Amino acid sequence: MRNQPGTIHWTSNAQGYGVVSVPLPLPFVGTFVYSSNGRINAFGLAPDQYVEKRGRRAEDIAIFNRADKKIGFTRTPSTLPLADGA
């Protein structure tokens, strides 16, 4: 399978950043698109949320809760520890 070209739109300011990819067609999957937004801290990019959409499936969303130091997911009730710098 050949890698498809894609475009990423990036914005940033003193409050944070935003990233959005242009929909990318993938064979057997459909359109793939993702976005991320968050802040910039001493470690670099500190996402608040990451959203991924593949074809007709529902969006997969990861929520980075820095106050509780956990990453939550919309497709599963599981959480993962959120280490500093992650």
Protein backbone atom coordinates (compact mmCIF):
# COMPACT_ATOMS: atom_id res chain seq x y z
CA MET A 1 0.00 0.00 0.00
CA ARG A 2 1.34 3.40 -0.94
CA ASN A 3 1.38 6.24 1.59
CA GLN A 4 -1.15 8.92 0.77
CA PRO A 5 -0.17 12.60 0.88
CA GLY A 6 -1.99 14.75 3.41
CA THR A 7 -2.18 18.28 4.74
CA ILE A 8 -2.16 19.45 8.35
CA HIS A 9 -3.46 22.85 9.42
CA TRP A 10 -1.64 24.15 12.51
CA THR A 11 -2.56 27.18 14.63
CA SER A 12 -0.97 28.46 17.82
CA ASN A 13 -1.12 31.47 20.08
CA ALA A 14 -0.26 32.36 23.68
CA GLN A 15 -3.17 30.23 24.99
CA GLY A 16 -2.50 27.02 23.08
CA TYR A 17 -2.51 25.19 19.76
CA GLY A 18 -4.83 23.47 17.33
CA VAL A 19 -4.11 20.87 14.66
CA VAL A 20 -6.55 19.63 12.03
CA SER A 21 -5.74 17.26 9.19
CA VAL A 22 -7.43 17.46 5.82
CA PRO A 23 -9.48 14.29 5.19
CA LEU A 24 -7.27 11.62 3.69
CA PRO A 25 -8.76 8.72 1.69
CA LEU A 26 -7.47 5.28 2.74
CA PRO A 27 -8.15 2.07 0.82
CA PHE A 28 -10.56 -0.32 2.60
CA VAL A 29 -11.01 2.16 5.48
CA GLY A 30 -12.54 5.28 3.98
CA THR A 31 -11.65 8.80 4.94
CA PHE A 32 -9.21 9.34 7.82
CA VAL A 33 -9.11 12.69 9.64
CA TYR A 34 -7.78 13.76 13.03
CA SER A 35 -7.54 16.84 15.18
CA SER A 36 -5.87 17.84 18.41
CA ASN A 37 -6.03 20.90 20.61
CA GLY A 38 -4.41 21.89 23.83
CA ARG A 39 -1.79 24.06 25.45
CA ILE A 40 1.92 24.56 25.18
CA ASN A 41 3.79 24.06 28.44
CA ALA A 42 7.37 23.51 29.65
CA PHE A 43 7.36 19.99 28.12
CA GLY A 44 6.06 21.14 24.72
CA LEU A 45 2.61 20.30 23.33
CA ALA A 46 0.14 19.38 26.09
CA PRO A 47 -3.01 18.07 24.39
CA ASP A 48 -6.42 18.52 26.00
CA GLN A 49 -8.17 16.41 23.37
CA TYR A 50 -7.32 14.21 20.37
CA VAL A 51 -10.06 13.18 17.93
CA GLU A 52 -9.65 10.54 15.22
CA LYS A 53 -12.25 9.51 12.63
CA ARG A 54 -11.81 6.53 10.31
CA GLY A 55 -14.38 5.94 7.62
CA ARG A 56 -17.92 5.48 8.92
CA ARG A 57 -16.91 4.54 12.45
CA ALA A 58 -17.77 6.89 15.29
CA GLU A 59 -15.06 9.30 16.36
CA ASP A 60 -12.44 8.03 18.80
CA ILE A 61 -11.72 10.76 21.34
CA ALA A 62 -8.93 10.83 23.92
CA ILE A 63 -9.33 13.39 26.72
CA PHE A 64 -6.21 14.43 28.62
CA ASN A 65 -7.27 15.37 32.16
CA ARG A 66 -4.19 17.01 33.62
CA ALA A 67 -5.87 17.83 36.95
CA ASP A 68 -6.56 14.12 37.62
CA LYS A 69 -3.46 12.99 35.66
CA LYS A 70 -5.53 10.56 33.55
CA ILE A 71 -6.29 9.99 29.88
CA GLY A 72 -9.89 8.97 29.19
CA PHE A 73 -11.33 7.48 26.02
CA THR A 74 -14.80 7.58 24.46
CA ARG A 75 -14.72 4.02 23.09
CA THR A 76 -13.77 2.36 26.35
CA PRO A 77 -14.35 3.09 30.03
CA SER A 78 -10.64 2.51 30.70
CA THR A 79 -8.26 5.30 31.66
CA LEU A 80 -4.50 5.50 31.57
CA PRO A 81 -2.13 7.45 33.79
CA LEU A 82 -1.06 10.77 32.33
CA ALA A 83 2.59 11.38 33.12
CA ASP A 84 4.14 14.84 33.04
CA GLY A 85 5.42 15.52 29.55
CA ALA A 86 3.13 12.98 27.89
